[in-house]
Amino acid sequence: MTGFVAAATVAAKSGHAERSAPPAKHDSGCHATRFVTPSGTTYIRQPSRAPSIVDQYAWLIGTFGCGRAFGIVLVVVGGIVLARSHRSP
């Protein structure tokens, strides 16, 4: 039984479950809460862990880093061309 299923089972009985230490390599800690809607339906909520923004947008960060380096190269080359054109008689 995975950690999420175990936490959902405990939350269904007691109303709340928390597992912070993962019992196995493939399993992660989780949090589960039982709530009841006004119509009487019982649900178990297990919020997922969001990936960090660095992991989620790594390709975008790399693209902007390359763009920044390319922009610096363009400024340097443009400065060299401008300096050479003003030095010629």
N, C-alpha and C. Protein backbone atom coordinates (compact mmCIF):
# COMPACT_ATOMS: atom_id res chain seq x y z
N MET A 1 0.85 -1.17 0.00
CA MET A 1 0.00 0.00 0.00
C MET A 1 0.90 1.23 0.00
N THR A 2 0.65 2.16 -0.91
CA THR A 2 1.50 3.35 -0.99
C THR A 2 1.16 4.31 0.12
N GLY A 3 2.00 5.31 0.30
CA GLY A 3 1.79 6.29 1.36
C GLY A 3 0.51 7.08 1.18
N PHE A 4 0.16 7.37 -0.08
CA PHE A 4 -1.05 8.15 -0.33
C PHE A 4 -2.31 7.36 0.01
N VAL A 5 -2.31 6.09 -0.33
CA VAL A 5 -3.47 5.25 -0.02
C VAL A 5 -3.59 5.06 1.48
N ALA A 6 -2.46 4.84 2.14
CA ALA A 6 -2.48 4.67 3.59
C ALA A 6 -2.95 5.95 4.29
N ALA A 7 -2.47 7.10 3.82
CA ALA A 7 -2.88 8.37 4.41
C ALA A 7 -4.35 8.64 4.15
N ALA A 8 -4.83 8.29 2.98
CA ALA A 8 -6.26 8.49 2.67
C ALA A 8 -7.13 7.59 3.54
N THR A 9 -6.68 6.38 3.79
CA THR A 9 -7.44 5.47 4.65
C THR A 9 -7.51 5.99 6.08
N VAL A 10 -6.38 6.47 6.59
CA VAL A 10 -6.35 7.02 7.95
C VAL A 10 -7.20 8.30 8.02
N ALA A 11 -7.10 9.15 6.98
CA ALA A 11 -7.86 10.39 6.97
C ALA A 11 -9.36 10.12 6.88
N ALA A 12 -9.76 9.09 6.18
CA ALA A 12 -11.18 8.76 6.08
C ALA A 12 -11.74 8.35 7.43
N LYS A 13 -10.91 7.71 8.26
CA LYS A 13 -11.37 7.26 9.57
C LYS A 13 -11.26 8.36 10.63
N SER A 14 -10.13 9.05 10.65
CA SER A 14 -9.90 10.01 11.73
C SER A 14 -10.09 11.47 11.33
N GLY A 15 -10.10 11.76 10.04
CA GLY A 15 -10.28 13.14 9.60
C GLY A 15 -9.00 13.82 9.18
N HIS A 16 -7.84 13.26 9.55
CA HIS A 16 -6.57 13.90 9.22
C HIS A 16 -5.46 12.86 9.24
N ALA A 17 -4.52 12.96 8.32
CA ALA A 17 -3.36 12.06 8.31
C ALA A 17 -2.15 12.83 7.81
N GLU A 18 -1.01 12.55 8.40
CA GLU A 18 0.24 13.22 8.02
C GLU A 18 1.36 12.21 8.07
N ARG A 19 2.10 12.09 6.98
CA ARG A 19 3.27 11.22 6.95
C ARG A 19 4.41 12.04 6.40
N SER A 20 5.38 12.36 7.24
CA SER A 20 6.49 13.20 6.79
C SER A 20 7.71 12.39 6.39
N ALA A 21 7.89 11.24 6.96
CA ALA A 21 9.06 10.42 6.64
C ALA A 21 8.65 9.34 5.64
N PRO A 22 9.29 9.30 4.49
CA PRO A 22 8.95 8.27 3.52
C PRO A 22 9.41 6.89 3.98
N PRO A 23 8.52 5.90 3.96
CA PRO A 23 8.90 4.57 4.42
C PRO A 23 9.70 3.78 3.38
N ALA A 24 9.64 4.15 2.11
CA ALA A 24 10.36 3.42 1.07
C ALA A 24 10.93 4.42 0.08
N LYS A 25 11.82 3.94 -0.79
CA LYS A 25 12.45 4.83 -1.77
C LYS A 25 11.44 5.44 -2.73
N HIS A 26 10.53 4.64 -3.24
CA HIS A 26 9.58 5.10 -4.24
C HIS A 26 8.40 5.85 -3.64
N ASP A 27 8.32 5.90 -2.34
CA ASP A 27 7.20 6.51 -1.64
C ASP A 27 7.63 7.85 -1.07
N SER A 28 6.72 8.79 -0.98
CA SER A 28 7.04 10.09 -0.39
C SER A 28 6.04 10.40 0.70
N GLY A 29 6.41 11.26 1.60
CA GLY A 29 5.51 11.67 2.66
C GLY A 29 4.32 12.41 2.07
N CYS A 30 3.21 12.43 2.79
CA CYS A 30 2.03 13.10 2.26
C CYS A 30 1.16 13.62 3.39
N HIS A 31 0.18 14.37 3.01
CA HIS A 31 -0.77 14.97 3.94
C HIS A 31 -2.16 14.74 3.37
N ALA A 32 -3.08 14.30 4.18
CA ALA A 32 -4.45 14.05 3.72
C ALA A 32 -5.43 14.59 4.75
N THR A 33 -6.51 15.17 4.26
CA THR A 33 -7.54 15.72 5.14
C THR A 33 -8.91 15.31 4.63
N ARG A 34 -9.78 14.94 5.56
CA ARG A 34 -11.15 14.59 5.19
C ARG A 34 -12.02 15.84 5.34
N PHE A 35 -12.91 16.07 4.37
CA PHE A 35 -13.89 17.13 4.51
C PHE A 35 -15.21 16.67 3.93
N VAL A 36 -16.29 17.26 4.44
CA VAL A 36 -17.64 16.89 4.04
C VAL A 36 -18.31 18.10 3.42
N THR A 37 -18.91 17.93 2.25
CA THR A 37 -19.61 19.02 1.57
C THR A 37 -20.97 19.26 2.23
N PRO A 38 -21.60 20.40 1.96
CA PRO A 38 -22.92 20.65 2.54
C PRO A 38 -23.96 19.58 2.16
N SER A 39 -23.78 18.92 1.02
CA SER A 39 -24.72 17.88 0.62
C SER A 39 -24.48 16.56 1.36
N GLY A 40 -23.38 16.46 2.11
CA GLY A 40 -23.10 15.27 2.89
C GLY A 40 -22.08 14.33 2.27
N THR A 41 -21.54 14.67 1.10
CA THR A 41 -20.54 13.84 0.45
C THR A 41 -19.19 14.01 1.14
N THR A 42 -18.52 12.91 1.43
CA THR A 42 -17.21 12.95 2.08
C THR A 42 -16.11 12.83 1.03
N TYR A 43 -15.13 13.71 1.11
CA TYR A 43 -13.98 13.69 0.21
C TYR A 43 -12.70 13.65 1.03
N ILE A 44 -11.67 13.08 0.44
CA ILE A 44 -10.33 13.08 1.02
C ILE A 44 -9.46 13.94 0.11
N ARG A 45 -8.82 14.96 0.68
CA ARG A 45 -7.99 15.86 -0.11
C ARG A 45 -6.53 15.58 0.19
N GLN A 46 -5.77 15.36 -0.87
CA GLN A 46 -4.33 15.15 -0.76
C GLN A 46 -3.64 16.14 -1.69
N PRO A 47 -3.21 17.28 -1.17
CA PRO A 47 -2.55 18.25 -2.05
C PRO A 47 -1.23 17.70 -2.58
N SER A 48 -0.98 17.94 -3.83
CA SER A 48 0.28 17.46 -4.43
C SER A 48 1.38 18.47 -4.17
N ARG A 49 2.57 17.99 -4.25
CA ARG A 49 3.72 18.88 -4.07
C ARG A 49 4.08 19.47 -5.42
N ALA A 50 4.10 20.78 -5.48
CA ALA A 50 4.42 21.47 -6.73
C ALA A 50 5.93 21.43 -6.97
N PRO A 51 6.33 21.25 -8.21
CA PRO A 51 7.77 21.29 -8.51
C PRO A 51 8.31 22.70 -8.31
N SER A 52 9.57 22.79 -7.97
CA SER A 52 10.15 24.12 -7.78
C SER A 52 10.18 24.86 -9.11
N ILE A 53 10.20 26.17 -9.03
CA ILE A 53 10.14 26.98 -10.25
C ILE A 53 11.39 26.79 -11.11
N VAL A 54 12.52 26.48 -10.48
CA VAL A 54 13.74 26.24 -11.26
C VAL A 54 13.59 24.98 -12.10
N ASP A 55 13.00 23.93 -11.52
CA ASP A 55 12.79 22.69 -12.27
C ASP A 55 11.75 22.88 -13.37
N GLN A 56 10.71 23.65 -13.06
CA GLN A 56 9.62 23.81 -14.00
C GLN A 56 10.01 24.66 -15.21
N TYR A 57 10.83 25.68 -15.00
CA TYR A 57 11.17 26.60 -16.09
C TYR A 57 12.66 26.58 -16.41
N ALA A 58 13.32 25.45 -16.26
CA ALA A 58 14.75 25.36 -16.51
C ALA A 58 15.09 25.71 -17.96
N TRP A 59 14.29 25.24 -18.90
CA TRP A 59 14.56 25.54 -20.31
C TRP A 59 14.43 27.03 -20.59
N LEU A 60 13.48 27.70 -19.94
CA LEU A 60 13.29 29.13 -20.15
C LEU A 60 14.44 29.93 -19.55
N ILE A 61 14.89 29.51 -18.37
CA ILE A 61 16.03 30.17 -17.74
C ILE A 61 17.28 30.01 -18.60
N GLY A 62 17.49 28.82 -19.16
CA GLY A 62 18.63 28.59 -20.06
C GLY A 62 18.53 29.42 -21.32
N THR A 63 17.33 29.54 -21.88
CA THR A 63 17.14 30.33 -23.10
C THR A 63 17.46 31.80 -22.85
N PHE A 64 16.98 32.35 -21.75
CA PHE A 64 17.28 33.74 -21.44
C PHE A 64 18.77 33.94 -21.12
N GLY A 65 19.41 32.95 -20.52
CA GLY A 65 20.84 33.03 -20.27
C GLY A 65 21.64 33.08 -21.57
N CYS A 66 21.25 32.25 -22.54
CA CYS A 66 21.91 32.28 -23.85
C CYS A 66 21.64 33.59 -24.57
N GLY A 67 20.42 34.09 -24.46
CA GLY A 67 20.08 35.37 -25.08
C GLY A 67 20.88 36.51 -24.48
N ARG A 68 21.08 36.47 -23.17
CA ARG A 68 21.87 37.50 -22.51
C ARG A 68 23.32 37.45 -22.99
N ALA A 69 23.89 36.27 -23.10
CA ALA A 69 25.26 36.13 -23.58
C ALA A 69 25.39 36.62 -25.02
N PHE A 70 24.41 36.28 -25.85
CA PHE A 70 24.42 36.74 -27.24
C PHE A 70 24.31 38.26 -27.31
N GLY A 71 23.49 38.85 -26.47
CA GLY A 71 23.36 40.31 -26.43
C GLY A 71 24.66 40.99 -26.04
N ILE A 72 25.37 40.42 -25.08
CA ILE A 72 26.66 40.99 -24.67
C ILE A 72 27.66 40.91 -25.80
N VAL A 73 27.68 39.79 -26.52
CA VAL A 73 28.59 39.64 -27.66
C VAL A 73 28.25 40.68 -28.73
N LEU A 74 26.97 40.90 -29.01
CA LEU A 74 26.58 41.90 -30.00
C LEU A 74 27.02 43.30 -29.60
N VAL A 75 26.90 43.65 -28.33
CA VAL A 75 27.32 44.98 -27.87
C VAL A 75 28.83 45.14 -28.02
N VAL A 76 29.58 44.11 -27.66
CA VAL A 76 31.04 44.19 -27.78
C VAL A 76 31.46 44.31 -29.24
N VAL A 77 30.90 43.49 -30.11
CA VAL A 77 31.24 43.55 -31.54
C VAL A 77 30.82 44.91 -32.12
N GLY A 78 29.65 45.38 -31.76
CA GLY A 78 29.21 46.70 -32.24
C GLY A 78 30.12 47.81 -31.77
N GLY A 79 30.60 47.73 -30.54
CA GLY A 79 31.53 48.74 -30.03
C GLY A 79 32.85 48.70 -30.78
N ILE A 80 33.34 47.49 -31.09
CA ILE A 80 34.59 47.38 -31.84
C ILE A 80 34.43 47.96 -33.24
N VAL A 81 33.33 47.63 -33.90
CA VAL A 81 33.08 48.16 -35.27
C VAL A 81 32.95 49.67 -35.22
N LEU A 82 32.26 50.21 -34.25
CA LEU A 82 32.08 51.66 -34.15
C LEU A 82 33.42 52.35 -33.85
N ALA A 83 34.24 51.77 -32.98
CA ALA A 83 35.55 52.35 -32.66
C ALA A 83 36.45 52.33 -33.87
N ARG A 84 36.42 51.27 -34.67
CA ARG A 84 37.26 51.19 -35.87
C ARG A 84 36.82 52.21 -36.92
N SER A 85 35.50 52.38 -37.05
CA SER A 85 35.01 53.32 -38.07
C SER A 85 35.34 54.76 -37.70
N HIS A 86 35.44 55.10 -36.44
CA HIS A 86 35.77 56.46 -36.02
C HIS A 86 37.27 56.69 -36.02
N ARG A 87 38.08 55.65 -36.01
CA ARG A 87 39.54 55.81 -36.04
C ARG A 87 40.07 55.99 -37.44
N SER A 88 39.34 55.52 -38.44
CA SER A 88 39.83 55.65 -39.81
C SER A 88 39.68 57.11 -40.28
N PRO A 89 40.66 57.57 -41.09
CA PRO A 89 40.66 58.98 -41.52
C PRO A 89 39.58 59.33 -42.52
